[in-house]
Amino acid sequence: MNFWRSLVGKLWVTIICLVAVVLMTLGLFLLPYIDSNFANSGAIKRLFMYTALIGFSMTTFFALFLFTKITQPMQQVISAANAIRRGEYGKRLKLVTSDEIGELATSFNHMAAELEGTIRSLNHEKGLLSSVLRSMSDPVITFDNEGRIVLTNPHGQSLLESWSDLKWEQEGEADLEEPDGEAQGIPLPLRPLFQRTLEEGGDHSSNVHVRQGVWSVHMAPLYSDNQIQGAVAVLRDVTEEVRLEKMRRDFLANVSHEIRTPLSMMQGYSEALLDGMASSPEESSELVQVIHDESLRMGRLVKDLLDLARMEAGHTDLHKSPVDMNELLERIYRKFSVRAKEREIELHCIRKSNELWLHDADEDKLEQVLTNLLDNAFRHTPAGKKIDIVADWVAYSNRSEIEIEVRDEGVGIPSEDLPFIFERFYKADKARVRGETGGTGLGLAIVKNIVESHRGHISAASKLGEGTCFTLRLPVEKQ
């Protein structure tokens, strides 16, 4: 620091000027008086000059003393304060004095220690918050009151990037106005909930439909001095939960419908018998036969439901043993050959290998799988077309498998229905008549569970109007 700009420098200059003014004033009045009243005036003048020089010297010495005791410690305090301002919170003063400067240094050191501890605690809490946010599987996004994004976790950042190209027209929100430039950070699906949170306060939740997914959004306001300064949103992908809930509702509705139909028929025909509406034994026998058929159908439905429930609960009873798939396919072919002739459908069984053995499988369950697949193929294949059963040994994913394809030239399945055909009671052909199919709507769901219980895989490919191909792969070795 420049001496002349320091407090001591300014004090020294002030004292020098004051002493000079006093000496000049005294000189103007004393020198004439000395010349007129003292014989040895020169000696007195010299004494006066020596006194002035000694005064100036003592003033300078006093200024240097003050510079050492005040200015230099203050410079150290200023330097330490600047270091802390730059983030060097470990900076401390080494001034050991008993005066005010020493007390200032002690207070400064205590303040620096408290500040360092506070900053360390804040950094620790910030680290914990960052770790919590990073470990959360749900996206978390924080906005200020102008809609700018303040903080996100990695999942939130990924979600923002995937939603960056959304258009309101795509999401069915064309009637909403586009936000101003300051709110461009808010994803389009969250803007209505964000505005509601700012206007009404309090927590708000909503389900947001984006593309093919459903997101549950919980948004809460952020307060500072009792003023809303922004909002934090926590999102959770509930697409699967919504889908399962819809499946549950559809399942209950379908079960009620499937059971109500045979019950209504049984009730109607039994009332007809009780009211004596049958005019001959043949008509009575026909009514009784309908009641019997409907009771059997309802029994099959209940049995299939119980079997499917046991399979999905992991309680499938499999009696596994080595299975010769050539022999099983031959038995299935003979079983459906008569039906093929009656329906005028060509049925072919193509075995590309003579060694089609499964080392650990349930033959009865596999026969049920093939029977269900072929039964579906016959029900949807018109006369004059053909159905092929193709079996071969393949290597897939570093393991040996037997691949079986059931191909038909039937009406086919629409592409939008293919992902759902293995669900319970799902019907790809919405217009088909119950009397034509005679199924319970659970066949493919049971097929899928049996195949998966054998650690296998089943898939379907279809073209509308050209036919359908079901492909199932079963591991050869014991799993």
Protein backbone atom coordinates (compact mmCIF):
# COMPACT_ATOMS: atom_id res chain seq x y z
CA MET A 1 0.00 0.00 0.00
CA ASN A 2 1.24 3.54 -0.82
CA PHE A 3 2.39 5.27 2.41
CA TRP A 4 0.91 8.61 1.42
CA ARG A 5 -2.52 7.04 0.85
CA SER A 6 -2.50 5.24 4.19
CA LEU A 7 -4.12 6.55 7.35
CA VAL A 8 -0.74 7.02 9.07
CA GLY A 9 0.65 8.88 6.05
CA LYS A 10 -2.26 11.27 6.01
CA LEU A 11 -1.95 11.73 9.80
CA TRP A 12 1.82 12.44 9.51
CA VAL A 13 1.27 15.02 6.75
CA THR A 14 -1.42 16.67 8.87
CA ILE A 15 0.85 16.89 11.93
CA ILE A 16 3.81 18.21 9.87
CA CYS A 17 1.62 20.90 8.37
CA LEU A 18 0.23 21.79 11.77
CA VAL A 19 3.73 22.02 13.32
CA ALA A 20 4.94 24.10 10.34
CA VAL A 21 2.05 26.51 10.72
CA VAL A 22 2.72 26.86 14.46
CA LEU A 23 6.47 27.44 13.92
CA MET A 24 5.86 29.97 11.15
CA THR A 25 3.35 31.81 13.28
CA LEU A 26 5.72 31.88 16.23
CA GLY A 27 8.58 32.93 13.98
CA LEU A 28 6.68 35.94 12.65
CA PHE A 29 5.95 37.19 16.14
CA LEU A 30 9.07 36.02 18.06
CA LEU A 31 11.89 36.88 15.66
CA PRO A 32 11.34 40.71 15.84
CA TYR A 33 10.96 40.46 19.57
CA ILE A 34 14.23 38.47 19.91
CA ASP A 35 16.11 40.92 17.70
CA SER A 36 15.01 43.90 19.79
CA ASN A 37 15.31 42.52 23.31
CA PHE A 38 18.14 39.97 23.25
CA ALA A 39 21.79 40.72 22.56
CA ASN A 40 22.62 37.16 21.44
CA SER A 41 19.74 36.77 19.02
CA GLY A 42 21.63 34.44 16.66
CA ALA A 43 22.05 31.74 19.31
CA ILE A 44 18.38 31.90 20.13
CA LYS A 45 17.46 31.61 16.47
CA ARG A 46 19.71 28.59 16.14
CA LEU A 47 18.05 27.04 19.21
CA PHE A 48 14.69 27.68 17.61
CA MET A 49 15.80 25.94 14.42
CA TYR A 50 17.18 22.95 16.32
CA THR A 51 13.91 22.65 18.20
CA ALA A 52 11.96 22.69 14.92
CA LEU A 53 14.19 20.00 13.38
CA ILE A 54 13.85 17.81 16.48
CA GLY A 55 10.05 18.26 16.38
CA PHE A 56 9.93 17.26 12.73
CA SER A 57 12.16 14.23 13.42
CA MET A 58 10.03 13.09 16.35
CA THR A 59 6.89 13.50 14.26
CA THR A 60 8.39 11.33 11.51
CA PHE A 61 9.49 8.72 14.04
CA PHE A 62 6.02 8.71 15.54
CA ALA A 63 4.50 8.29 12.07
CA LEU A 64 6.75 5.29 11.32
CA PHE A 65 5.83 3.79 14.69
CA LEU A 66 2.14 4.15 13.92
CA PHE A 67 2.75 2.70 10.45
CA THR A 68 4.28 -0.40 12.02
CA LYS A 69 1.61 -0.85 14.71
CA ILE A 70 -1.53 0.10 12.78
CA THR A 71 -1.13 0.22 9.02
CA GLN A 72 0.77 -3.04 8.52
CA PRO A 73 -1.68 -5.12 10.66
CA MET A 74 -4.56 -3.49 8.83
CA GLN A 75 -2.95 -4.45 5.53
CA GLN A 76 -2.78 -8.07 6.74
CA VAL A 77 -6.46 -7.93 7.71
CA ILE A 78 -7.37 -6.55 4.27
CA SER A 79 -5.28 -9.22 2.54
CA ALA A 80 -6.91 -12.00 4.59
CA ALA A 81 -10.39 -10.59 3.86
CA ASN A 82 -9.63 -10.57 0.13
CA ALA A 83 -8.39 -14.17 0.34
CA ILE A 84 -11.66 -15.27 1.96
CA ARG A 85 -13.57 -13.31 -0.67
CA ARG A 86 -11.77 -15.40 -3.29
CA GLY A 87 -12.84 -18.63 -1.57
CA GLU A 88 -9.70 -19.34 0.48
CA TYR A 89 -11.62 -20.07 3.67
CA GLY A 90 -8.59 -21.52 5.46
CA LYS A 91 -6.84 -18.12 5.62
CA ARG A 92 -6.03 -16.97 9.20
CA LEU A 93 -4.34 -13.90 10.81
CA LYS A 94 -1.21 -14.35 12.94
CA LEU A 95 -1.39 -11.11 14.97
CA VAL A 96 -0.74 -11.53 18.70
CA THR A 97 -1.31 -8.18 20.40
CA SER A 98 -3.38 -7.04 23.36
CA ASP A 99 -4.81 -3.94 21.73
CA GLU A 100 -7.82 -3.40 19.48
CA ILE A 101 -5.92 -4.75 16.47
CA GLY A 102 -5.33 -8.04 18.30
CA GLU A 103 -9.03 -8.27 19.23
CA LEU A 104 -9.93 -7.57 15.61
CA ALA A 105 -7.60 -10.34 14.44
CA THR A 106 -9.09 -12.79 16.95
CA SER A 107 -12.63 -11.93 15.90
CA PHE A 108 -11.62 -12.24 12.26
CA ASN A 109 -10.16 -15.71 12.83
CA HIS A 110 -13.31 -16.84 14.64
CA MET A 111 -15.46 -15.44 11.85
CA ALA A 112 -13.33 -17.20 9.22
CA ALA A 113 -13.56 -20.50 11.11
CA GLU A 114 -17.35 -20.21 11.41
CA LEU A 115 -17.63 -19.28 7.76
CA GLU A 116 -15.43 -22.20 6.75
CA GLY A 117 -17.55 -24.59 8.81
CA THR A 118 -20.76 -23.17 7.34
CA ILE A 119 -19.46 -23.46 3.78
CA ARG A 120 -18.26 -27.01 4.46
CA SER A 121 -21.71 -27.92 5.84
CA LEU A 122 -23.40 -26.33 2.84
CA ASN A 123 -21.13 -28.23 0.46
CA HIS A 124 -21.81 -31.46 2.36
CA GLU A 125 -25.56 -30.92 2.20
CA LYS A 126 -25.26 -30.01 -1.46
CA GLY A 127 -23.33 -33.21 -2.08
CA LEU A 128 -25.97 -35.24 -0.23
CA LEU A 129 -28.74 -33.56 -2.21
CA SER A 130 -26.90 -34.24 -5.47
CA SER A 131 -26.38 -37.89 -4.48
CA VAL A 132 -30.05 -38.27 -3.58
CA LEU A 133 -31.14 -36.69 -6.86
CA ARG A 134 -28.73 -38.85 -8.86
CA SER A 135 -29.89 -42.02 -7.13
CA MET A 136 -33.59 -41.29 -7.73
CA SER A 137 -35.03 -43.32 -10.57
CA ASP A 138 -37.78 -40.73 -11.04
CA PRO A 139 -37.08 -37.51 -12.96
CA VAL A 140 -36.90 -34.38 -10.77
CA ILE A 141 -37.06 -30.91 -12.35
CA THR A 142 -36.96 -27.54 -10.56
CA PHE A 143 -38.23 -24.30 -12.14
CA ASP A 144 -38.07 -20.68 -11.04
CA ASN A 145 -41.19 -18.50 -11.09
CA GLU A 146 -40.47 -17.45 -14.67
CA GLY A 147 -40.35 -21.01 -15.92
CA ARG A 148 -36.62 -21.38 -16.33
CA ILE A 149 -35.09 -24.73 -15.40
CA VAL A 150 -32.92 -24.39 -12.29
CA LEU A 151 -31.98 -27.95 -11.35
CA THR A 152 -32.54 -31.47 -12.66
CA ASN A 153 -31.25 -34.95 -11.95
CA PRO A 154 -29.86 -37.18 -14.76
CA HIS A 155 -33.23 -38.84 -15.37
CA GLY A 156 -34.87 -35.42 -15.51
CA GLN A 157 -32.30 -34.21 -18.03
CA SER A 158 -32.92 -37.26 -20.21
CA LEU A 159 -36.66 -36.66 -20.04
CA LEU A 160 -36.23 -33.00 -21.02
CA GLU A 161 -34.17 -34.02 -24.03
CA SER A 162 -36.76 -36.57 -25.14
CA TRP A 163 -39.58 -34.03 -24.75
CA SER A 164 -37.73 -31.18 -26.45
CA ASP A 165 -39.39 -31.80 -29.84
CA LEU A 166 -42.98 -32.15 -28.58
CA LYS A 167 -45.72 -30.15 -30.29
CA TRP A 168 -49.08 -29.37 -28.75
CA GLU A 169 -50.81 -30.58 -31.89
CA GLN A 170 -49.20 -33.99 -31.39
CA GLU A 171 -50.45 -34.23 -27.82
CA GLY A 172 -54.01 -33.02 -28.44
CA GLU A 173 -53.44 -29.63 -26.82
CA ALA A 174 -53.77 -27.31 -29.81
CA ASP A 175 -56.18 -25.05 -27.92
CA LEU A 176 -53.47 -23.99 -25.43
CA GLU A 177 -51.52 -20.85 -26.20
CA GLU A 178 -47.80 -21.01 -26.70
CA PRO A 179 -45.89 -19.59 -23.70
CA ASP A 180 -43.75 -16.48 -23.89
CA GLY A 181 -40.01 -16.59 -24.39
CA GLU A 182 -39.24 -16.59 -20.69
CA ALA A 183 -41.04 -19.90 -20.15
CA GLN A 184 -39.42 -21.88 -22.93
CA GLY A 185 -37.64 -24.09 -20.39
CA ILE A 186 -40.87 -25.74 -19.22
CA PRO A 187 -41.72 -28.93 -21.14
CA LEU A 188 -45.01 -28.56 -22.99
CA PRO A 189 -46.92 -31.24 -21.04
CA LEU A 190 -46.05 -29.59 -17.68
CA ARG A 191 -47.06 -26.00 -18.46
CA PRO A 192 -50.73 -26.20 -17.40
CA LEU A 193 -49.81 -27.79 -14.07
CA PHE A 194 -46.99 -25.25 -13.56
CA GLN A 195 -49.34 -22.30 -14.11
CA ARG A 196 -51.88 -23.84 -11.75
CA THR A 197 -49.23 -24.32 -9.05
CA LEU A 198 -48.07 -20.69 -9.30
CA GLU A 199 -51.61 -19.29 -9.30
CA GLU A 200 -53.20 -21.46 -6.60
CA GLY A 201 -50.22 -22.57 -4.51
CA GLY A 202 -50.14 -25.92 -2.75
CA ASP A 203 -49.24 -29.33 -4.16
CA HIS A 204 -50.86 -30.53 -7.36
CA SER A 205 -50.82 -33.91 -9.09
CA SER A 206 -51.88 -34.99 -12.52
CA ASN A 207 -51.39 -37.72 -15.11
CA VAL A 208 -49.80 -36.51 -18.34
CA HIS A 209 -50.14 -38.49 -21.57
CA VAL A 210 -47.07 -38.10 -23.78
CA ARG A 211 -46.83 -40.06 -26.98
CA GLN A 212 -47.59 -43.66 -25.97
CA GLY A 213 -46.70 -43.23 -22.29
CA VAL A 214 -48.42 -41.98 -19.15
CA TRP A 215 -46.54 -39.93 -16.53
CA SER A 216 -47.70 -39.17 -13.02
CA VAL A 217 -46.57 -35.62 -12.14
CA HIS A 218 -46.48 -34.22 -8.60
CA MET A 219 -45.62 -30.51 -8.48
CA ALA A 220 -45.07 -28.42 -5.34
CA PRO A 221 -44.28 -24.68 -5.02
CA LEU A 222 -40.96 -23.38 -3.69
CA TYR A 223 -41.32 -20.61 -1.12
CA SER A 224 -38.92 -17.85 -0.08
CA ASP A 225 -40.04 -15.15 2.40
CA ASN A 226 -43.63 -16.43 2.01
CA GLN A 227 -43.45 -15.79 -1.74
CA ILE A 228 -43.60 -18.48 -4.43
CA GLN A 229 -40.23 -18.45 -6.16
CA GLY A 230 -40.74 -21.49 -8.38
CA ALA A 231 -41.84 -25.11 -8.35
CA VAL A 232 -40.35 -28.59 -8.21
CA ALA A 233 -41.84 -31.46 -10.23
CA VAL A 234 -41.37 -35.16 -9.58
CA LEU A 235 -42.40 -37.42 -12.45
CA ARG A 236 -42.99 -41.16 -12.50
CA ASP A 237 -43.63 -43.39 -15.48
CA VAL A 238 -46.94 -45.13 -14.75
CA THR A 239 -47.52 -46.47 -18.24
CA GLU A 240 -47.28 -50.07 -17.08
CA GLU A 241 -49.50 -49.43 -14.06
CA VAL A 242 -52.17 -47.79 -16.21
CA ARG A 243 -51.95 -50.65 -18.69
CA LEU A 244 -52.30 -53.26 -15.93
CA GLU A 245 -55.24 -51.38 -14.42
CA LYS A 246 -56.93 -51.30 -17.82
CA MET A 247 -56.23 -55.01 -18.23
CA ARG A 248 -57.79 -55.66 -14.82
CA ARG A 249 -60.94 -53.74 -15.72
CA ASP A 250 -61.14 -55.41 -19.12
CA PHE A 251 -60.57 -58.79 -17.51
CA LEU A 252 -63.42 -58.31 -15.04
CA ALA A 253 -65.70 -57.07 -17.81
CA ASN A 254 -64.77 -59.98 -20.09
CA VAL A 255 -65.17 -62.60 -17.37
CA SER A 256 -68.56 -61.18 -16.47
CA HIS A 257 -69.59 -61.24 -20.12
CA GLU A 258 -68.22 -64.73 -20.80
CA ILE A 259 -69.97 -66.21 -17.76
CA ARG A 260 -73.20 -64.24 -18.19
CA THR A 261 -73.79 -65.55 -21.71
CA PRO A 262 -73.91 -69.29 -20.90
CA LEU A 263 -75.79 -68.59 -17.68
CA SER A 264 -78.44 -66.64 -19.59
CA MET A 265 -78.81 -69.43 -22.12
CA MET A 266 -79.03 -72.08 -19.40
CA GLN A 267 -81.60 -70.01 -17.54
CA GLY A 268 -83.69 -69.38 -20.65
CA TYR A 269 -83.75 -72.98 -21.82
CA SER A 270 -84.42 -74.32 -18.33
CA GLU A 271 -87.36 -71.90 -17.94
CA ALA A 272 -88.63 -73.10 -21.31
CA LEU A 273 -88.54 -76.69 -20.02
CA LEU A 274 -90.26 -75.72 -16.76
CA ASP A 275 -92.99 -73.85 -18.64
CA GLY A 276 -93.61 -76.92 -20.85
CA MET A 277 -92.74 -75.13 -24.07
CA ALA A 278 -91.23 -78.33 -25.53
CA SER A 279 -93.99 -79.99 -27.49
CA SER A 280 -92.15 -83.28 -28.09
CA PRO A 281 -89.46 -85.42 -26.47
CA GLU A 282 -87.11 -84.43 -29.29
CA GLU A 283 -87.48 -80.72 -28.50
CA SER A 284 -86.99 -81.43 -24.79
CA SER A 285 -83.85 -83.39 -25.57
CA GLU A 286 -82.59 -80.54 -27.76
CA LEU A 287 -83.14 -77.99 -24.99
CA VAL A 288 -81.42 -80.24 -22.46
CA GLN A 289 -78.49 -80.72 -24.86
CA VAL A 290 -78.08 -76.93 -25.20
CA ILE A 291 -78.09 -76.56 -21.41
CA HIS A 292 -75.52 -79.34 -21.14
CA ASP A 293 -73.28 -77.80 -23.82
CA GLU A 294 -73.39 -74.38 -22.16
CA SER A 295 -72.60 -75.89 -18.76
CA LEU A 296 -69.58 -77.67 -20.31
CA ARG A 297 -68.48 -74.42 -21.93
CA MET A 298 -68.73 -72.54 -18.65
CA GLY A 299 -66.80 -75.34 -16.95
CA ARG A 300 -64.03 -75.04 -19.57
CA LEU A 301 -63.91 -71.29 -18.97
CA VAL A 302 -63.58 -71.70 -15.21
CA LYS A 303 -60.96 -74.43 -15.66
CA ASP A 304 -58.93 -72.27 -18.05
CA LEU A 305 -59.13 -69.35 -15.65
CA LEU A 306 -57.91 -71.49 -12.76
CA ASP A 307 -55.10 -72.98 -14.87
CA LEU A 308 -54.01 -69.54 -16.04
CA ALA A 309 -54.09 -68.16 -12.49
CA ARG A 310 -51.91 -71.04 -11.25
CA MET A 311 -49.44 -70.52 -14.11
CA GLU A 312 -49.13 -66.79 -13.53
CA ALA A 313 -48.64 -67.43 -9.80
CA GLY A 314 -45.76 -69.79 -10.59
CA HIS A 315 -47.61 -72.94 -9.47
CA THR A 316 -47.53 -74.77 -12.80
CA ASP A 317 -47.29 -78.52 -12.29
CA LEU A 318 -44.89 -79.74 -14.96
CA HIS A 319 -44.06 -83.43 -15.25
CA LYS A 320 -40.83 -83.11 -17.18
CA SER A 321 -39.06 -85.91 -18.99
CA PRO A 322 -37.28 -86.43 -22.34
CA VAL A 323 -39.71 -85.76 -25.18
CA ASP A 324 -39.44 -86.96 -28.78
CA MET A 325 -40.87 -84.01 -30.71
CA ASN A 326 -41.05 -86.07 -33.93
CA GLU A 327 -43.44 -88.48 -32.26
CA LEU A 328 -45.45 -85.63 -30.68
CA LEU A 329 -45.75 -83.76 -33.98
CA GLU A 330 -46.85 -86.95 -35.74
CA ARG A 331 -49.57 -87.50 -33.12
CA ILE A 332 -50.77 -83.90 -33.48
CA TYR A 333 -50.80 -84.26 -37.28
CA ARG A 334 -52.96 -87.39 -37.12
CA LYS A 335 -55.32 -85.72 -34.63
CA PHE A 336 -56.08 -82.82 -36.98
CA SER A 337 -55.96 -84.72 -40.28
CA VAL A 338 -59.64 -85.66 -40.11
CA ARG A 339 -60.63 -82.08 -39.33
CA ALA A 340 -58.50 -80.85 -42.22
CA LYS A 341 -60.32 -83.17 -44.66
CA GLU A 342 -63.71 -82.07 -43.33
CA ARG A 343 -62.78 -78.38 -43.74
CA GLU A 344 -61.05 -79.00 -47.10
CA ILE A 345 -57.79 -77.55 -45.77
CA GLU A 346 -54.34 -78.89 -46.67
CA LEU A 347 -52.38 -79.82 -43.53
CA HIS A 348 -48.63 -80.46 -43.80
CA CYS A 349 -46.13 -81.48 -41.12
CA ILE A 350 -42.54 -80.70 -42.15
CA ARG A 351 -39.75 -82.01 -39.93
CA LYS A 352 -36.37 -80.79 -41.14
CA SER A 353 -34.43 -82.94 -38.68
CA ASN A 354 -34.85 -86.48 -37.41
CA GLU A 355 -33.28 -85.70 -34.02
CA LEU A 356 -35.86 -83.43 -32.43
CA TRP A 357 -35.50 -84.26 -28.75
CA LEU A 358 -36.19 -82.10 -25.71
CA HIS A 359 -34.25 -83.35 -22.70
CA ASP A 360 -36.55 -81.82 -20.09
CA ALA A 361 -40.17 -80.97 -21.02
CA ASP A 362 -43.77 -81.78 -20.20
CA GLU A 363 -45.19 -83.65 -23.20
CA ASP A 364 -48.85 -83.14 -22.23
CA LYS A 365 -48.39 -79.38 -21.85
CA LEU A 366 -46.60 -79.12 -25.19
CA GLU A 367 -49.40 -81.09 -26.83
CA GLN A 368 -51.84 -78.56 -25.33
CA VAL A 369 -49.78 -75.72 -26.83
CA LEU A 370 -49.75 -77.20 -30.33
CA THR A 371 -53.42 -78.15 -30.08
CA ASN A 372 -54.41 -74.57 -29.18
CA LEU A 373 -52.31 -73.10 -31.98
CA LEU A 374 -53.69 -75.46 -34.60
CA ASP A 375 -57.24 -75.01 -33.31
CA ASN A 376 -56.85 -71.23 -33.82
CA ALA A 377 -55.39 -71.82 -37.29
CA PHE A 378 -58.33 -74.03 -38.37
CA ARG A 379 -60.91 -71.61 -37.01
CA HIS A 380 -59.56 -68.71 -39.08
CA THR A 381 -58.46 -70.50 -42.27
CA PRO A 382 -61.05 -70.86 -45.05
CA ALA A 383 -61.48 -73.94 -47.24
CA GLY A 384 -58.97 -74.40 -50.04
CA LYS A 385 -56.08 -72.95 -48.05
CA LYS A 386 -53.29 -74.77 -46.22
CA ILE A 387 -51.74 -75.00 -42.77
CA ASP A 388 -48.09 -75.98 -42.25
CA ILE A 389 -46.33 -77.30 -39.16
CA VAL A 390 -42.57 -76.80 -39.57
CA ALA A 391 -40.05 -78.06 -37.01
CA ASP A 392 -36.26 -77.74 -37.04
CA TRP A 393 -33.22 -77.72 -34.77
CA VAL A 394 -31.59 -74.25 -34.47
CA ALA A 395 -28.84 -72.56 -32.48
CA TYR A 396 -29.96 -69.34 -30.86
CA SER A 397 -28.18 -67.20 -28.24
CA ASN A 398 -25.47 -69.83 -27.69
CA ARG A 399 -27.95 -72.58 -26.90
CA SER A 400 -29.62 -75.35 -28.90
CA GLU A 401 -33.34 -74.97 -29.48
CA ILE A 402 -36.16 -76.61 -31.36
CA GLU A 403 -38.12 -74.13 -33.41
CA ILE A 404 -41.70 -74.95 -34.36
CA GLU A 405 -43.76 -72.79 -36.71
CA VAL A 406 -47.52 -73.04 -37.20
CA ARG A 407 -48.36 -71.24 -40.44
CA ASP A 408 -51.80 -70.69 -41.87
CA GLU A 409 -53.27 -68.87 -44.87
CA GLY A 410 -56.18 -67.47 -42.93
CA VAL A 411 -57.60 -63.97 -42.55
CA GLY A 412 -54.55 -62.72 -40.66
CA ILE A 413 -54.27 -60.38 -37.67
CA PRO A 414 -54.10 -56.55 -37.91
CA SER A 415 -50.68 -55.18 -37.02
CA GLU A 416 -52.10 -53.02 -34.24
CA ASP A 417 -53.54 -56.12 -32.55
CA LEU A 418 -50.39 -58.28 -32.68
CA PRO A 419 -48.82 -56.97 -29.42
CA PHE A 420 -51.96 -57.90 -27.47
CA ILE A 421 -53.01 -61.30 -28.82
CA PHE A 422 -51.45 -63.17 -25.86
CA GLU A 423 -53.54 -61.22 -23.33
CA ARG A 424 -56.54 -62.78 -21.69
CA PHE A 425 -59.85 -62.46 -23.60
CA TYR A 426 -58.25 -60.28 -26.27
CA LYS A 427 -59.97 -60.78 -29.61
CA ALA A 428 -58.23 -59.57 -32.74
CA ASP A 429 -61.34 -60.26 -34.82
CA LYS A 430 -63.91 -58.05 -33.10
CA ALA A 431 -66.71 -59.21 -35.41
CA ARG A 432 -66.38 -62.97 -35.07
CA VAL A 433 -69.34 -64.87 -33.67
CA ARG A 434 -69.10 -66.99 -30.57
CA GLY A 435 -70.75 -69.92 -32.25
CA GLU A 436 -68.09 -69.92 -34.94
CA THR A 437 -65.14 -69.95 -32.59
CA GLY A 438 -66.26 -71.78 -29.48
CA GLY A 439 -63.18 -70.61 -27.62
CA THR A 440 -62.85 -69.16 -24.17
CA GLY A 441 -60.47 -66.32 -25.16
CA LEU A 442 -57.74 -67.72 -22.92
CA GLY A 443 -56.02 -70.15 -25.28
CA LEU A 444 -53.08 -67.97 -26.37
CA ALA A 445 -52.55 -66.66 -22.84
CA ILE A 446 -52.24 -70.27 -21.62
CA VAL A 447 -49.95 -71.11 -24.54
CA LYS A 448 -47.61 -68.25 -23.67
CA ASN A 449 -47.44 -69.26 -19.99
CA ILE A 450 -46.69 -72.90 -20.83
CA VAL A 451 -43.93 -71.95 -23.27
CA GLU A 452 -42.36 -69.52 -20.78
CA SER A 453 -42.53 -72.15 -18.03
CA HIS A 454 -40.28 -74.25 -20.31
CA ARG A 455 -37.87 -71.26 -20.59
CA GLY A 456 -38.96 -70.87 -24.19
CA HIS A 457 -40.28 -68.02 -26.30
CA ILE A 458 -43.30 -67.58 -28.57
CA SER A 459 -44.01 -64.84 -31.09
CA ALA A 460 -46.42 -64.13 -33.89
CA ALA A 461 -46.15 -62.52 -37.32
CA SER A 462 -49.08 -61.82 -39.57
CA LYS A 463 -50.28 -60.00 -42.66
CA LEU A 464 -53.91 -59.12 -42.96
CA GLY A 465 -55.53 -61.26 -45.63
CA GLU A 466 -52.44 -63.44 -46.12
CA GLY A 467 -52.15 -65.49 -42.94
CA THR A 468 -50.43 -65.83 -39.59
CA CYS A 469 -47.28 -67.58 -38.37
CA PHE A 470 -46.77 -68.52 -34.71
CA THR A 471 -43.13 -69.35 -33.87
CA LEU A 472 -42.15 -71.04 -30.63
CA ARG A 473 -38.62 -71.91 -29.56
CA LEU A 474 -37.94 -74.46 -26.83
CA PRO A 475 -34.49 -75.13 -25.31
CA VAL A 476 -33.12 -78.60 -25.98
CA GLU A 477 -30.97 -78.88 -22.86
CA LYS A 478 -32.26 -78.85 -19.29
CA GLN A 479 -32.50 -75.28 -17.95
